[in-house]
């Protein structure tokens, strides 16, 4: 699987300032924090080869969510958040 993400630079800068994923590097948990509601968006974590490692859809209203990544091996991953009006991609490192 190959994943491509395309955004205009203005849109990308706005989204990057409104969504934070931390800590990075991460160990057991990552937190996704947003200044807007991410209800009904799909969160997916892919490994460096493009394999889907974790997927969830949050149906409740939320701006802050913690995700347990303790079962994922050490390495480089991509966190994507996709919805009707949002396509976001962030690289994270899991290290122990």
C-alpha atoms as a PDB file:
ATOM      1  CA  UNK A   1       0.000   0.000   0.000  1.00  0.00           C
ATOM      2  CA  UNK A   2       1.189   3.472  -0.863  1.00  0.00           C
ATOM      3  CA  UNK A   3      -0.233   6.490   0.936  1.00  0.00           C
ATOM      4  CA  UNK A   4      -0.239   9.932  -0.621  1.00  0.00           C
ATOM      5  CA  UNK A   5      -1.255  13.161   1.110  1.00  0.00           C
ATOM      6  CA  UNK A   6      -1.751  16.439  -0.674  1.00  0.00           C
ATOM      7  CA  UNK A   7      -2.749  19.747   0.913  1.00  0.00           C
ATOM      8  CA  UNK A   8      -2.258  23.364   0.080  1.00  0.00           C
ATOM      9  CA  UNK A   9       0.445  24.945   2.216  1.00  0.00           C
ATOM     10  CA  UNK A  10      -1.990  27.470   3.772  1.00  0.00           C
ATOM     11  CA  UNK A  11      -4.458  24.732   4.731  1.00  0.00           C
ATOM     12  CA  UNK A  12      -1.641  22.515   6.018  1.00  0.00           C
ATOM     13  CA  UNK A  13      -0.212  25.287   8.218  1.00  0.00           C
ATOM     14  CA  UNK A  14      -3.661  26.025   9.696  1.00  0.00           C
ATOM     15  CA  UNK A  15      -4.349  22.350  10.455  1.00  0.00           C
ATOM     16  CA  UNK A  16      -0.818  21.816  11.854  1.00  0.00           C
ATOM     17  CA  UNK A  17      -1.366  24.688  14.284  1.00  0.00           C
ATOM     18  CA  UNK A  18      -4.734  23.260  15.384  1.00  0.00           C
ATOM     19  CA  UNK A  19      -3.781  19.584  15.853  1.00  0.00           C
ATOM     20  CA  UNK A  20      -1.007  18.387  18.169  1.00  0.00           C
ATOM     21  CA  UNK A  21       0.166  14.798  18.581  1.00  0.00           C
ATOM     22  CA  UNK A  22       2.470  14.220  21.515  1.00  0.00           C
ATOM     23  CA  UNK A  23       4.796  13.055  22.946  1.00  0.00           C
ATOM     24  CA  UNK A  24       7.012  12.452  19.954  1.00  0.00           C
ATOM     25  CA  UNK A  25       8.964  10.233  20.335  1.00  0.00           C
ATOM     26  CA  UNK A  26       6.328   8.225  22.181  1.00  0.00           C
ATOM     27  CA  UNK A  27       6.491   5.191  24.421  1.00  0.00           C
ATOM     28  CA  UNK A  28       3.118   3.837  25.648  1.00  0.00           C
ATOM     29  CA  UNK A  29       0.541   6.501  24.749  1.00  0.00           C
ATOM     30  CA  UNK A  30       0.068   9.298  22.256  1.00  0.00           C
ATOM     31  CA  UNK A  31      -2.318  12.171  22.822  1.00  0.00           C
ATOM     32  CA  UNK A  32      -4.103  13.912  19.981  1.00  0.00           C
ATOM     33  CA  UNK A  33      -5.227  17.399  20.920  1.00  0.00           C
ATOM     34  CA  UNK A  34      -7.208  19.688  18.643  1.00  0.00           C
ATOM     35  CA  UNK A  35      -8.702  23.152  18.845  1.00  0.00           C
ATOM     36  CA  UNK A  36     -11.759  21.863  16.964  1.00  0.00           C
ATOM     37  CA  UNK A  37     -14.083  18.872  17.313  1.00  0.00           C
ATOM     38  CA  UNK A  38     -12.793  15.706  15.647  1.00  0.00           C
ATOM     39  CA  UNK A  39     -16.033  13.725  16.035  1.00  0.00           C
ATOM     40  CA  UNK A  40     -16.600  11.130  13.269  1.00  0.00           C
ATOM     41  CA  UNK A  41     -13.025  11.350  12.028  1.00  0.00           C
ATOM     42  CA  UNK A  42     -11.060   8.157  11.456  1.00  0.00           C
ATOM     43  CA  UNK A  43      -7.662   7.872  13.130  1.00  0.00           C
ATOM     44  CA  UNK A  44      -5.277   5.358  11.583  1.00  0.00           C
ATOM     45  CA  UNK A  45      -1.677   4.507  12.426  1.00  0.00           C
ATOM     46  CA  UNK A  46       0.470   3.061   9.618  1.00  0.00           C
ATOM     47  CA  UNK A  47       3.953   1.620   9.864  1.00  0.00           C
ATOM     48  CA  UNK A  48       6.722   2.784   7.540  1.00  0.00           C
ATOM     49  CA  UNK A  49       5.759   0.132   4.945  1.00  0.00           C
ATOM     50  CA  UNK A  50       2.169   1.442   4.815  1.00  0.00           C
ATOM     51  CA  UNK A  51       0.629  -1.397   6.825  1.00  0.00           C
ATOM     52  CA  UNK A  52      -2.368  -0.381   8.909  1.00  0.00           C
ATOM     53  CA  UNK A  53      -1.446  -1.029  12.548  1.00  0.00           C
ATOM     54  CA  UNK A  54      -4.357   0.579  14.398  1.00  0.00           C
ATOM     55  CA  UNK A  55      -7.641   2.213  13.402  1.00  0.00           C
ATOM     56  CA  UNK A  56     -10.399   3.878  15.373  1.00  0.00           C
ATOM     57  CA  UNK A  57     -13.365   6.123  14.715  1.00  0.00           C
ATOM     58  CA  UNK A  58     -14.415   8.429  17.496  1.00  0.00           C
ATOM     59  CA  UNK A  59     -18.180   9.026  17.421  1.00  0.00           C
ATOM     60  CA  UNK A  60     -18.339  11.198  20.529  1.00  0.00           C
ATOM     61  CA  UNK A  61     -17.541  14.895  20.566  1.00  0.00           C
ATOM     62  CA  UNK A  62     -13.885  15.280  21.513  1.00  0.00           C
ATOM     63  CA  UNK A  63     -10.910  17.567  21.253  1.00  0.00           C
ATOM     64  CA  UNK A  64      -8.451  15.429  23.187  1.00  0.00           C
ATOM     65  CA  UNK A  65      -7.870  11.676  22.989  1.00  0.00           C
ATOM     66  CA  UNK A  66      -5.150   9.335  24.253  1.00  0.00           C
ATOM     67  CA  UNK A  67      -4.305   6.209  22.265  1.00  0.00           C
ATOM     68  CA  UNK A  68      -2.511   3.180  23.702  1.00  0.00           C
ATOM     69  CA  UNK A  69       0.418   2.332  21.417  1.00  0.00           C
ATOM     70  CA  UNK A  70       2.206   0.005  23.842  1.00  0.00           C
ATOM     71  CA  UNK A  71       1.562  -3.022  21.598  1.00  0.00           C
ATOM     72  CA  UNK A  72       3.273  -1.423  18.574  1.00  0.00           C
ATOM     73  CA  UNK A  73       6.957  -2.203  18.010  1.00  0.00           C
ATOM     74  CA  UNK A  74       9.642   0.474  18.126  1.00  0.00           C
ATOM     75  CA  UNK A  75       9.868   2.374  14.843  1.00  0.00           C
ATOM     76  CA  UNK A  76       8.584   5.126  12.596  1.00  0.00           C
ATOM     77  CA  UNK A  77       4.822   5.507  12.053  1.00  0.00           C
ATOM     78  CA  UNK A  78       2.334   7.807  10.363  1.00  0.00           C
ATOM     79  CA  UNK A  79      -0.796   8.950  12.180  1.00  0.00           C
ATOM     80  CA  UNK A  80      -3.600   9.983   9.837  1.00  0.00           C
ATOM     81  CA  UNK A  81      -6.844  11.707  10.750  1.00  0.00           C
ATOM     82  CA  UNK A  82      -9.424  11.614   7.983  1.00  0.00           C
ATOM     83  CA  UNK A  83     -12.955  12.914   7.833  1.00  0.00           C
ATOM     84  CA  UNK A  84     -15.337  14.864   5.668  1.00  0.00           C
ATOM     85  CA  UNK A  85     -13.394  18.088   5.981  1.00  0.00           C
ATOM     86  CA  UNK A  86     -10.007  16.916   7.230  1.00  0.00           C
ATOM     87  CA  UNK A  87      -7.039  14.941   5.910  1.00  0.00           C
ATOM     88  CA  UNK A  88      -4.123  15.180   8.335  1.00  0.00           C
ATOM     89  CA  UNK A  89      -0.848  13.245   8.474  1.00  0.00           C
ATOM     90  CA  UNK A  90       1.872  13.315  11.135  1.00  0.00           C
ATOM     91  CA  UNK A  91       5.031  11.261  11.494  1.00  0.00           C
ATOM     92  CA  UNK A  92       5.720   9.831  14.968  1.00  0.00           C
ATOM     93  CA  UNK A  93       8.486   7.721  16.441  1.00  0.00           C
ATOM     94  CA  UNK A  94       7.887   4.976  18.973  1.00  0.00           C
ATOM     95  CA  UNK A  95      10.940   4.302  21.123  1.00  0.00           C
ATOM     96  CA  UNK A  96      11.429   2.352  24.321  1.00  0.00           C
END
